[in-house]
């Protein structure tokens, strides 16, 4: 049961006006499905982490409009509650489709079409943060692999040298989804 004082509901009502909660048992508990006065469906997604909220709000404002009708549209964002109000698109969780079925293949083709459009978005100019971030990730994974005795000392040194080279390289960033799972 959703309490009347639920901040997601308050936020949605401020953005849309009167809304009704739509019960959808297959939706995760952090998502609230609502219908507005025109019976258009919306989803309120609340993040526990401010950084993830900010990244997703930025993506919806900057990159997702390039996908047109292939992705939900952000109606509003509320940093105070870390909530996003999104339009809802029909779809099914591909995890629940029969493996190898034509429905699963169609779902993956549709997801591939959306990803292709996302990759067509112009590259992001790097201020040096992308190479430094990637180099840090290489160092982190190399350290963990070495500590777990998965790589030798020479392999570890090679990875650290490559990370140093990567950190000073020039490159453009690219838009990527980072959570490309069948449920998405």
N, C-alpha and C. Protein backbone atom coordinates (compact mmCIF):
# COMPACT_ATOMS: atom_id res chain seq x y z
N UNK A 1 0.84 -1.18 0.00
CA UNK A 1 0.00 0.00 0.00
C UNK A 1 0.88 1.24 0.00
N UNK A 2 0.57 2.20 -0.84
CA UNK A 2 1.32 3.45 -0.93
C UNK A 2 0.64 4.48 -0.05
N UNK A 3 1.41 5.04 0.84
CA UNK A 3 0.86 6.05 1.74
C UNK A 3 0.57 7.34 0.96
N UNK A 4 -0.47 8.04 1.36
CA UNK A 4 -0.85 9.30 0.72
C UNK A 4 0.32 10.29 0.76
N UNK A 5 1.14 10.25 1.80
CA UNK A 5 2.24 11.19 1.96
C UNK A 5 3.52 10.73 1.25
N UNK A 6 3.44 9.68 0.44
CA UNK A 6 4.61 9.18 -0.29
C UNK A 6 5.19 10.33 -1.11
N UNK A 7 6.48 10.66 -0.93
CA UNK A 7 7.06 11.79 -1.65
C UNK A 7 7.03 11.60 -3.17
N UNK A 8 7.05 10.36 -3.66
CA UNK A 8 6.97 10.12 -5.10
C UNK A 8 5.62 10.58 -5.63
N UNK A 9 4.58 10.29 -4.86
CA UNK A 9 3.22 10.66 -5.26
C UNK A 9 3.05 12.18 -5.21
N UNK A 10 3.56 12.80 -4.17
CA UNK A 10 3.50 14.27 -4.05
C UNK A 10 4.21 14.93 -5.22
N UNK A 11 5.41 14.44 -5.55
CA UNK A 11 6.19 14.96 -6.67
C UNK A 11 5.42 14.80 -7.99
N UNK A 12 4.85 13.63 -8.22
CA UNK A 12 4.11 13.38 -9.46
C UNK A 12 2.89 14.29 -9.57
N UNK A 13 2.20 14.48 -8.48
CA UNK A 13 1.01 15.35 -8.50
C UNK A 13 1.39 16.80 -8.77
N UNK A 14 2.54 17.22 -8.28
CA UNK A 14 3.00 18.59 -8.57
C UNK A 14 3.29 18.76 -10.05
N UNK A 15 3.78 17.73 -10.69
CA UNK A 15 4.15 17.80 -12.11
C UNK A 15 2.97 17.52 -13.05
N UNK A 16 2.08 16.62 -12.65
CA UNK A 16 1.02 16.16 -13.55
C UNK A 16 -0.39 16.60 -13.16
N UNK A 17 -0.57 16.98 -11.92
CA UNK A 17 -1.91 17.21 -11.42
C UNK A 17 -2.45 15.92 -10.83
N UNK A 18 -3.76 15.73 -10.85
CA UNK A 18 -4.32 14.51 -10.25
C UNK A 18 -3.82 13.25 -10.95
N UNK A 19 -3.47 12.25 -10.16
CA UNK A 19 -3.03 10.97 -10.70
C UNK A 19 -3.61 9.85 -9.85
N UNK A 20 -3.73 8.70 -10.46
CA UNK A 20 -4.16 7.49 -9.77
C UNK A 20 -3.02 6.48 -9.81
N UNK A 21 -2.86 5.75 -8.73
CA UNK A 21 -1.86 4.69 -8.67
C UNK A 21 -2.39 3.50 -9.46
N UNK A 22 -1.54 2.94 -10.30
CA UNK A 22 -1.88 1.77 -11.10
C UNK A 22 -1.12 0.59 -10.52
N UNK A 23 -1.84 -0.43 -10.13
CA UNK A 23 -1.21 -1.61 -9.55
C UNK A 23 -0.63 -2.48 -10.67
N UNK A 24 0.67 -2.68 -10.62
CA UNK A 24 1.35 -3.56 -11.58
C UNK A 24 2.31 -4.42 -10.79
N UNK A 25 1.92 -5.63 -10.52
CA UNK A 25 2.70 -6.51 -9.64
C UNK A 25 4.08 -6.83 -10.19
N UNK A 26 4.26 -6.76 -11.51
CA UNK A 26 5.56 -7.11 -12.08
C UNK A 26 6.59 -5.99 -11.96
N UNK A 27 6.18 -4.83 -11.48
CA UNK A 27 7.11 -3.70 -11.36
C UNK A 27 7.89 -3.79 -10.04
N UNK A 28 9.17 -3.41 -10.07
CA UNK A 28 9.95 -3.39 -8.83
C UNK A 28 9.37 -2.39 -7.84
N UNK A 29 9.60 -2.58 -6.54
CA UNK A 29 8.99 -1.72 -5.53
C UNK A 29 9.49 -0.27 -5.55
N UNK A 30 10.65 -0.01 -6.18
CA UNK A 30 11.13 1.38 -6.23
C UNK A 30 10.47 2.18 -7.34
N UNK A 31 9.62 1.53 -8.13
CA UNK A 31 8.89 2.22 -9.20
C UNK A 31 7.42 2.34 -8.83
N UNK A 32 6.86 3.50 -9.10
CA UNK A 32 5.45 3.76 -8.85
C UNK A 32 4.81 4.08 -10.18
N UNK A 33 3.80 3.31 -10.58
CA UNK A 33 3.12 3.52 -11.86
C UNK A 33 1.86 4.33 -11.59
N UNK A 34 1.68 5.38 -12.39
CA UNK A 34 0.55 6.29 -12.21
C UNK A 34 -0.16 6.55 -13.53
N UNK A 35 -1.44 6.86 -13.44
CA UNK A 35 -2.21 7.28 -14.61
C UNK A 35 -2.67 8.71 -14.36
N UNK A 36 -2.47 9.57 -15.38
CA UNK A 36 -2.93 10.95 -15.24
C UNK A 36 -4.40 11.06 -15.68
N UNK A 37 -4.93 12.26 -15.75
CA UNK A 37 -6.36 12.45 -16.07
C UNK A 37 -6.69 12.02 -17.50
N UNK A 38 -5.68 11.91 -18.37
CA UNK A 38 -5.91 11.44 -19.75
C UNK A 38 -5.64 9.94 -19.87
N UNK A 39 -5.43 9.27 -18.74
CA UNK A 39 -5.09 7.86 -18.68
C UNK A 39 -3.74 7.53 -19.30
N UNK A 40 -2.88 8.53 -19.43
CA UNK A 40 -1.50 8.27 -19.86
C UNK A 40 -0.75 7.72 -18.66
N UNK A 41 0.05 6.69 -18.91
CA UNK A 41 0.80 6.07 -17.82
C UNK A 41 2.17 6.72 -17.65
N UNK A 42 2.56 6.83 -16.40
CA UNK A 42 3.85 7.41 -16.02
C UNK A 42 4.47 6.53 -14.95
N UNK A 43 5.79 6.64 -14.82
CA UNK A 43 6.52 5.91 -13.80
C UNK A 43 7.32 6.92 -12.98
N UNK A 44 7.27 6.76 -11.67
CA UNK A 44 8.14 7.55 -10.80
C UNK A 44 9.19 6.58 -10.26
N UNK A 45 10.43 6.95 -10.52
CA UNK A 45 11.56 6.13 -10.09
C UNK A 45 12.34 6.93 -9.07
N UNK A 46 12.54 6.36 -7.92
CA UNK A 46 13.28 7.04 -6.84
C UNK A 46 14.61 6.34 -6.62
N UNK A 47 15.67 7.12 -6.63
CA UNK A 47 17.02 6.59 -6.42
C UNK A 47 17.40 6.73 -4.95
N UNK A 48 18.11 5.75 -4.44
CA UNK A 48 18.64 5.84 -3.08
C UNK A 48 19.90 6.69 -3.08
N UNK A 49 20.61 6.72 -4.21
CA UNK A 49 21.90 7.39 -4.31
C UNK A 49 21.78 8.66 -5.16
N UNK A 50 22.23 9.79 -4.65
CA UNK A 50 22.14 11.07 -5.36
C UNK A 50 22.95 11.05 -6.65
N UNK A 51 24.13 10.45 -6.65
CA UNK A 51 24.97 10.41 -7.85
C UNK A 51 24.26 9.66 -8.98
N UNK A 52 23.67 8.52 -8.68
CA UNK A 52 22.94 7.75 -9.71
C UNK A 52 21.74 8.54 -10.22
N UNK A 53 21.05 9.23 -9.31
CA UNK A 53 19.93 10.07 -9.73
C UNK A 53 20.42 11.14 -10.71
N UNK A 54 21.51 11.82 -10.35
CA UNK A 54 22.03 12.90 -11.20
C UNK A 54 22.48 12.39 -12.56
N UNK A 55 23.13 11.22 -12.59
CA UNK A 55 23.55 10.64 -13.87
C UNK A 55 22.36 10.29 -14.75
N UNK A 56 21.34 9.68 -14.14
CA UNK A 56 20.18 9.28 -14.94
C UNK A 56 19.38 10.50 -15.39
N UNK A 57 19.23 11.50 -14.53
CA UNK A 57 18.52 12.72 -14.93
C UNK A 57 19.26 13.40 -16.07
N UNK A 58 20.59 13.44 -15.99
CA UNK A 58 21.39 14.03 -17.07
C UNK A 58 21.18 13.25 -18.37
N UNK A 59 21.20 11.93 -18.28
CA UNK A 59 20.99 11.11 -19.48
C UNK A 59 19.63 11.37 -20.10
N UNK A 60 18.59 11.41 -19.28
CA UNK A 60 17.25 11.66 -19.80
C UNK A 60 17.14 13.06 -20.42
N UNK A 61 17.83 14.02 -19.86
CA UNK A 61 17.75 15.38 -20.39
C UNK A 61 18.63 15.57 -21.64
N UNK A 62 19.74 14.86 -21.70
CA UNK A 62 20.73 15.10 -22.75
C UNK A 62 20.68 14.10 -23.89
N UNK A 63 20.65 12.82 -23.56
CA UNK A 63 20.81 11.79 -24.59
C UNK A 63 19.52 11.12 -25.02
N UNK A 64 18.63 10.87 -24.11
CA UNK A 64 17.42 10.11 -24.41
C UNK A 64 16.53 10.79 -25.46
N UNK A 65 16.46 12.13 -25.51
CA UNK A 65 15.65 12.74 -26.57
C UNK A 65 16.05 12.30 -27.98
N UNK A 66 17.31 11.89 -28.17
CA UNK A 66 17.76 11.41 -29.48
C UNK A 66 17.11 10.08 -29.84
N UNK A 67 16.58 9.37 -28.87
CA UNK A 67 15.97 8.07 -29.12
C UNK A 67 14.50 8.16 -29.51
N UNK A 68 13.97 9.36 -29.50
CA UNK A 68 12.57 9.60 -29.86
C UNK A 68 11.65 8.64 -29.11
N UNK A 69 10.88 7.83 -29.84
CA UNK A 69 9.89 6.95 -29.19
C UNK A 69 10.45 5.61 -28.75
N UNK A 70 11.76 5.43 -28.80
CA UNK A 70 12.38 4.17 -28.40
C UNK A 70 12.66 4.10 -26.90
N UNK A 71 12.46 5.20 -26.20
CA UNK A 71 12.74 5.24 -24.76
C UNK A 71 11.73 6.16 -24.09
N UNK A 72 11.51 5.96 -22.80
CA UNK A 72 10.63 6.87 -22.07
C UNK A 72 11.19 8.29 -22.10
N UNK A 73 10.35 9.25 -21.88
CA UNK A 73 10.73 10.66 -21.82
C UNK A 73 10.64 11.12 -20.37
N UNK A 74 11.58 11.95 -19.96
CA UNK A 74 11.55 12.49 -18.60
C UNK A 74 10.58 13.68 -18.59
N UNK A 75 9.60 13.61 -17.69
CA UNK A 75 8.64 14.68 -17.52
C UNK A 75 9.17 15.69 -16.50
N UNK A 76 9.76 15.18 -15.43
CA UNK A 76 10.29 16.04 -14.37
C UNK A 76 11.31 15.26 -13.55
N UNK A 77 12.16 16.02 -12.86
CA UNK A 77 13.15 15.43 -11.96
C UNK A 77 13.12 16.23 -10.66
N UNK A 78 13.23 15.52 -9.55
CA UNK A 78 13.20 16.17 -8.24
C UNK A 78 14.42 15.77 -7.43
N UNK A 79 15.45 16.63 -7.40
CA UNK A 79 16.66 16.30 -6.63
C UNK A 79 16.39 16.11 -5.14
N UNK A 80 15.40 16.80 -4.61
CA UNK A 80 15.13 16.70 -3.17
C UNK A 80 14.74 15.28 -2.77
N UNK A 81 13.98 14.60 -3.62
CA UNK A 81 13.58 13.21 -3.32
C UNK A 81 14.33 12.20 -4.19
N UNK A 82 15.23 12.71 -5.06
CA UNK A 82 15.98 11.87 -5.99
C UNK A 82 15.03 11.05 -6.87
N UNK A 83 13.96 11.69 -7.32
CA UNK A 83 12.93 11.00 -8.10
C UNK A 83 12.87 11.52 -9.53
N UNK A 84 12.61 10.60 -10.45
CA UNK A 84 12.40 10.93 -11.85
C UNK A 84 10.97 10.57 -12.22
N UNK A 85 10.29 11.45 -12.92
CA UNK A 85 8.95 11.17 -13.45
C UNK A 85 9.12 10.94 -14.94
N UNK A 86 8.79 9.73 -15.39
CA UNK A 86 9.00 9.32 -16.77
C UNK A 86 7.69 8.90 -17.42
N UNK A 87 7.63 9.07 -18.73
CA UNK A 87 6.51 8.47 -19.45
C UNK A 87 6.73 6.96 -19.42
N UNK A 88 5.68 6.21 -19.61
CA UNK A 88 5.81 4.75 -19.58
C UNK A 88 5.60 4.20 -20.98
N UNK A 89 6.50 3.32 -21.37
CA UNK A 89 6.38 2.65 -22.65
C UNK A 89 5.93 1.22 -22.42
N UNK A 90 5.11 0.70 -23.30
CA UNK A 90 4.74 -0.71 -23.15
C UNK A 90 5.96 -1.59 -23.38
N UNK A 91 6.00 -2.71 -22.73
CA UNK A 91 7.11 -3.63 -22.92
C UNK A 91 7.05 -4.74 -21.90
N UNK A 92 7.93 -5.70 -22.11
CA UNK A 92 8.02 -6.84 -21.21
C UNK A 92 9.46 -7.03 -20.81
N UNK A 93 9.65 -7.54 -19.62
CA UNK A 93 10.97 -7.90 -19.14
C UNK A 93 11.43 -9.10 -19.97
N UNK A 94 12.52 -8.94 -20.72
CA UNK A 94 12.99 -10.02 -21.58
C UNK A 94 13.44 -11.24 -20.78
N UNK A 95 13.73 -11.06 -19.48
CA UNK A 95 14.06 -12.21 -18.64
C UNK A 95 12.88 -13.18 -18.52
N UNK A 96 11.68 -12.67 -18.72
CA UNK A 96 10.48 -13.49 -18.54
C UNK A 96 9.99 -14.12 -19.85
N UNK A 97 10.68 -13.83 -20.95
CA UNK A 97 10.30 -14.41 -22.24
C UNK A 97 10.94 -15.78 -22.39
N UNK A 98 10.27 -16.69 -23.07
CA UNK A 98 10.85 -18.03 -23.25
C UNK A 98 12.19 -17.95 -24.00
N UNK A 99 13.25 -18.52 -23.43
CA UNK A 99 14.56 -18.47 -24.09
C UNK A 99 14.50 -19.04 -25.51
N UNK A 100 15.09 -18.29 -26.44
CA UNK A 100 15.13 -18.74 -27.83
C UNK A 100 13.85 -18.51 -28.61
N UNK A 101 12.83 -17.96 -27.96
CA UNK A 101 11.54 -17.75 -28.63
C UNK A 101 11.61 -16.55 -29.58
N UNK A 102 10.65 -16.48 -30.48
CA UNK A 102 10.59 -15.33 -31.39
C UNK A 102 10.33 -14.05 -30.60
N UNK A 103 9.59 -14.15 -29.51
CA UNK A 103 9.34 -12.97 -28.67
C UNK A 103 10.65 -12.46 -28.07
N UNK A 104 11.50 -13.37 -27.62
CA UNK A 104 12.79 -12.96 -27.06
C UNK A 104 13.66 -12.33 -28.15
N UNK A 105 13.68 -12.92 -29.34
CA UNK A 105 14.47 -12.35 -30.44
C UNK A 105 13.97 -10.96 -30.82
N UNK A 106 12.65 -10.77 -30.87
CA UNK A 106 12.09 -9.45 -31.18
C UNK A 106 12.49 -8.43 -30.11
N UNK A 107 12.44 -8.84 -28.85
CA UNK A 107 12.81 -7.94 -27.76
C UNK A 107 14.27 -7.51 -27.89
N UNK A 108 15.14 -8.46 -28.21
CA UNK A 108 16.55 -8.13 -28.34
C UNK A 108 16.81 -7.27 -29.58
N UNK A 109 16.07 -7.51 -30.67
CA UNK A 109 16.22 -6.65 -31.85
C UNK A 109 15.78 -5.22 -31.53
N UNK A 110 14.67 -5.09 -30.81
CA UNK A 110 14.20 -3.75 -30.43
C UNK A 110 15.22 -3.06 -29.53
N UNK A 111 15.77 -3.79 -28.57
CA UNK A 111 16.78 -3.20 -27.69
C UNK A 111 18.01 -2.82 -28.50
N UNK A 112 18.39 -3.64 -29.46
CA UNK A 112 19.54 -3.33 -30.31
C UNK A 112 19.30 -2.08 -31.14
N UNK A 113 18.07 -1.90 -31.62
CA UNK A 113 17.75 -0.69 -32.40
C UNK A 113 17.89 0.56 -31.53
N UNK A 114 17.44 0.48 -30.29
CA UNK A 114 17.57 1.62 -29.38
C UNK A 114 19.05 1.90 -29.08
N UNK A 115 19.81 0.86 -28.85
CA UNK A 115 21.24 1.03 -28.57
C UNK A 115 21.96 1.61 -29.79
N UNK A 116 21.60 1.15 -30.99
CA UNK A 116 22.20 1.68 -32.21
C UNK A 116 21.95 3.19 -32.31
N UNK A 117 20.73 3.63 -32.02
CA UNK A 117 20.42 5.06 -32.05
C UNK A 117 21.22 5.82 -31.00
N UNK A 118 21.37 5.23 -29.83
CA UNK A 118 22.15 5.88 -28.78
C UNK A 118 23.60 6.06 -29.22
N UNK A 119 24.14 5.06 -29.91
CA UNK A 119 25.53 5.14 -30.37
C UNK A 119 25.71 6.13 -31.52
N UNK A 120 24.63 6.48 -32.19
CA UNK A 120 24.70 7.46 -33.28
C UNK A 120 24.76 8.90 -32.77
N UNK A 121 24.50 9.09 -31.50
CA UNK A 121 24.58 10.42 -30.92
C UNK A 121 26.03 10.88 -31.03
N UNK A 122 26.23 12.15 -31.30
CA UNK A 122 27.58 12.67 -31.47
C UNK A 122 28.45 12.37 -30.26
N UNK A 123 29.75 12.13 -30.49
CA UNK A 123 30.64 11.84 -29.36
C UNK A 123 30.73 13.01 -28.39
N UNK A 124 31.06 12.66 -27.17
CA UNK A 124 31.20 13.63 -26.11
C UNK A 124 32.65 14.05 -26.05
N UNK A 125 32.92 15.33 -26.10
CA UNK A 125 34.30 15.82 -25.99
C UNK A 125 34.81 15.57 -24.58
N UNK A 126 35.98 14.99 -24.51
CA UNK A 126 36.56 14.66 -23.22
C UNK A 126 37.42 15.80 -22.70
N UNK A 127 37.32 16.07 -21.44
CA UNK A 127 38.17 17.06 -20.79
C UNK A 127 39.33 16.36 -20.08
N UNK A 128 39.56 15.11 -20.41
CA UNK A 128 40.59 14.32 -19.76
C UNK A 128 40.03 13.42 -18.67
N UNK A 129 38.78 13.63 -18.31
CA UNK A 129 38.19 12.84 -17.23
C UNK A 129 37.97 11.39 -17.66
N UNK A 130 37.61 11.16 -18.92
CA UNK A 130 37.34 9.79 -19.37
C UNK A 130 38.61 8.94 -19.32
N UNK A 131 39.73 9.39 -19.92
CA UNK A 131 40.95 8.57 -19.83
C UNK A 131 41.40 8.34 -18.39
N UNK A 132 41.32 9.37 -17.56
CA UNK A 132 41.73 9.22 -16.16
C UNK A 132 40.83 8.22 -15.43
N UNK A 133 39.53 8.29 -15.68
CA UNK A 133 38.59 7.36 -15.06
C UNK A 133 38.90 5.93 -15.50
N UNK A 134 39.07 5.74 -16.81
CA UNK A 134 39.35 4.38 -17.32
C UNK A 134 40.67 3.85 -16.78
N UNK A 135 41.68 4.70 -16.70
CA UNK A 135 42.96 4.27 -16.15
C UNK A 135 42.81 3.85 -14.69
N UNK A 136 42.02 4.60 -13.95
CA UNK A 136 41.76 4.24 -12.56
C UNK A 136 41.07 2.89 -12.44
N UNK A 137 40.13 2.63 -13.36
CA UNK A 137 39.45 1.33 -13.34
C UNK A 137 40.42 0.20 -13.65
N UNK A 138 41.32 0.42 -14.63
CA UNK A 138 42.32 -0.61 -14.96
C UNK A 138 43.20 -0.88 -13.74
N UNK A 139 43.65 0.18 -13.08
CA UNK A 139 44.49 0.00 -11.90
C UNK A 139 43.75 -0.76 -10.80
N UNK A 140 42.49 -0.41 -10.59
CA UNK A 140 41.69 -1.06 -9.55
C UNK A 140 41.55 -2.55 -9.85
N UNK A 141 41.14 -2.88 -11.09
CA UNK A 141 40.96 -4.29 -11.43
C UNK A 141 42.28 -5.05 -11.43
N UNK A 142 43.34 -4.40 -11.91
CA UNK A 142 44.65 -5.05 -11.90
C UNK A 142 45.09 -5.36 -10.47
N UNK A 143 44.88 -4.41 -9.57
CA UNK A 143 45.23 -4.64 -8.17
C UNK A 143 44.45 -5.79 -7.56
N UNK A 144 43.15 -5.84 -7.85
CA UNK A 144 42.33 -6.93 -7.32
C UNK A 144 42.73 -8.28 -7.94
N UNK A 145 43.02 -8.29 -9.23
CA UNK A 145 43.42 -9.54 -9.89
C UNK A 145 44.76 -10.03 -9.34
N UNK A 146 45.67 -9.09 -9.10
CA UNK A 146 46.98 -9.46 -8.55
C UNK A 146 46.84 -9.98 -7.13
N UNK A 147 46.05 -9.28 -6.33
CA UNK A 147 45.85 -9.70 -4.93
C UNK A 147 45.19 -11.08 -4.86
N UNK A 148 44.36 -11.39 -5.83
CA UNK A 148 43.68 -12.70 -5.85
C UNK A 148 44.54 -13.77 -6.54
N UNK A 149 45.75 -13.39 -6.91
CA UNK A 149 46.68 -14.31 -7.57
C UNK A 149 46.14 -14.81 -8.91
N UNK A 150 45.44 -13.93 -9.61
CA UNK A 150 44.92 -14.29 -10.93
C UNK A 150 45.87 -13.88 -12.05
N UNK A 151 46.76 -12.94 -11.74
CA UNK A 151 47.77 -12.50 -12.72
C UNK A 151 49.13 -12.48 -12.05
N UNK A 152 50.16 -12.60 -12.87
CA UNK A 152 51.54 -12.62 -12.35
C UNK A 152 52.03 -11.19 -12.11
N UNK A 153 53.19 -11.09 -11.47
CA UNK A 153 53.80 -9.78 -11.23
C UNK A 153 54.10 -9.06 -12.55
N UNK A 154 54.68 -9.73 -13.55
CA UNK A 154 54.91 -9.04 -14.83
C UNK A 154 53.60 -8.60 -15.50
N UNK A 155 52.56 -9.40 -15.42
CA UNK A 155 51.27 -9.01 -15.99
C UNK A 155 50.70 -7.80 -15.25
N UNK A 156 50.85 -7.80 -13.95
CA UNK A 156 50.38 -6.67 -13.15
C UNK A 156 51.12 -5.39 -13.55
N UNK A 157 52.45 -5.47 -13.68
CA UNK A 157 53.24 -4.30 -14.10
C UNK A 157 52.82 -3.82 -15.49
N UNK A 158 52.57 -4.75 -16.39
CA UNK A 158 52.13 -4.39 -17.75
C UNK A 158 50.81 -3.64 -17.70
N UNK A 159 49.89 -4.13 -16.91
CA UNK A 159 48.59 -3.45 -16.80
C UNK A 159 48.74 -2.06 -16.21
N UNK A 160 49.59 -1.91 -15.21
CA UNK A 160 49.80 -0.58 -14.61
C UNK A 160 50.47 0.38 -15.60
N UNK A 161 51.40 -0.14 -16.40
CA UNK A 161 52.03 0.69 -17.43
C UNK A 161 51.00 1.12 -18.47
N UNK A 162 50.15 0.19 -18.87
CA UNK A 162 49.08 0.52 -19.84
C UNK A 162 48.12 1.54 -19.25
N UNK A 163 47.84 1.43 -17.96
CA UNK A 163 46.95 2.40 -17.30
C UNK A 163 47.59 3.79 -17.32
N UNK A 164 48.90 3.86 -17.10
CA UNK A 164 49.59 5.16 -17.15
C UNK A 164 49.47 5.76 -18.55
N UNK A 165 49.65 4.95 -19.58
CA UNK A 165 49.52 5.43 -20.96
C UNK A 165 48.09 5.88 -21.23
N UNK A 166 47.13 5.09 -20.79
CA UNK A 166 45.72 5.41 -20.99
C UNK A 166 45.35 6.73 -20.31
N UNK A 167 45.88 6.96 -19.12
CA UNK A 167 45.53 8.16 -18.35
C UNK A 167 45.88 9.45 -19.07
N UNK A 168 46.91 9.41 -19.92
CA UNK A 168 47.35 10.62 -20.61
C UNK A 168 46.92 10.64 -22.08
N UNK A 169 46.11 9.70 -22.49
CA UNK A 169 45.68 9.64 -23.90
C UNK A 169 44.57 10.66 -24.16
N UNK A 170 44.39 10.96 -25.42
CA UNK A 170 43.32 11.86 -25.85
C UNK A 170 42.25 11.01 -26.50
N UNK A 171 41.04 11.20 -26.08
CA UNK A 171 39.94 10.43 -26.67
C UNK A 171 38.64 11.17 -26.46
N UNK A 172 37.71 10.85 -27.31
CA UNK A 172 36.35 11.35 -27.13
C UNK A 172 35.59 10.31 -26.33
N UNK A 173 34.66 10.77 -25.53
CA UNK A 173 33.79 9.86 -24.82
C UNK A 173 32.65 9.45 -25.74
N UNK A 174 31.91 8.50 -25.33
CA UNK A 174 30.74 8.06 -26.08
C UNK A 174 29.61 7.82 -25.09
N UNK A 175 28.42 7.96 -25.58
CA UNK A 175 27.25 7.69 -24.75
C UNK A 175 27.12 6.18 -24.63
N UNK A 176 26.95 5.69 -23.40
CA UNK A 176 26.71 4.27 -23.21
C UNK A 176 25.67 4.10 -22.11
N UNK A 177 24.95 3.01 -22.17
CA UNK A 177 23.81 2.80 -21.29
C UNK A 177 24.21 2.41 -19.88
N UNK A 178 25.18 1.54 -19.73
CA UNK A 178 25.73 1.08 -18.45
C UNK A 178 24.82 0.15 -17.64
N UNK A 179 23.61 -0.07 -18.06
CA UNK A 179 22.73 -1.01 -17.35
C UNK A 179 21.87 -1.73 -18.38
N UNK A 180 22.54 -2.31 -19.35
CA UNK A 180 21.85 -2.93 -20.47
C UNK A 180 21.55 -4.39 -20.15
N UNK A 181 20.51 -4.60 -19.39
CA UNK A 181 20.10 -5.92 -18.98
C UNK A 181 18.74 -6.24 -19.61
N UNK A 182 18.38 -7.51 -19.68
CA UNK A 182 17.08 -7.87 -20.26
C UNK A 182 15.89 -7.16 -19.61
N UNK A 183 15.98 -6.85 -18.31
CA UNK A 183 14.86 -6.18 -17.65
C UNK A 183 14.70 -4.74 -18.13
N UNK A 184 15.77 -4.17 -18.74
CA UNK A 184 15.72 -2.80 -19.25
C UNK A 184 15.38 -2.77 -20.72
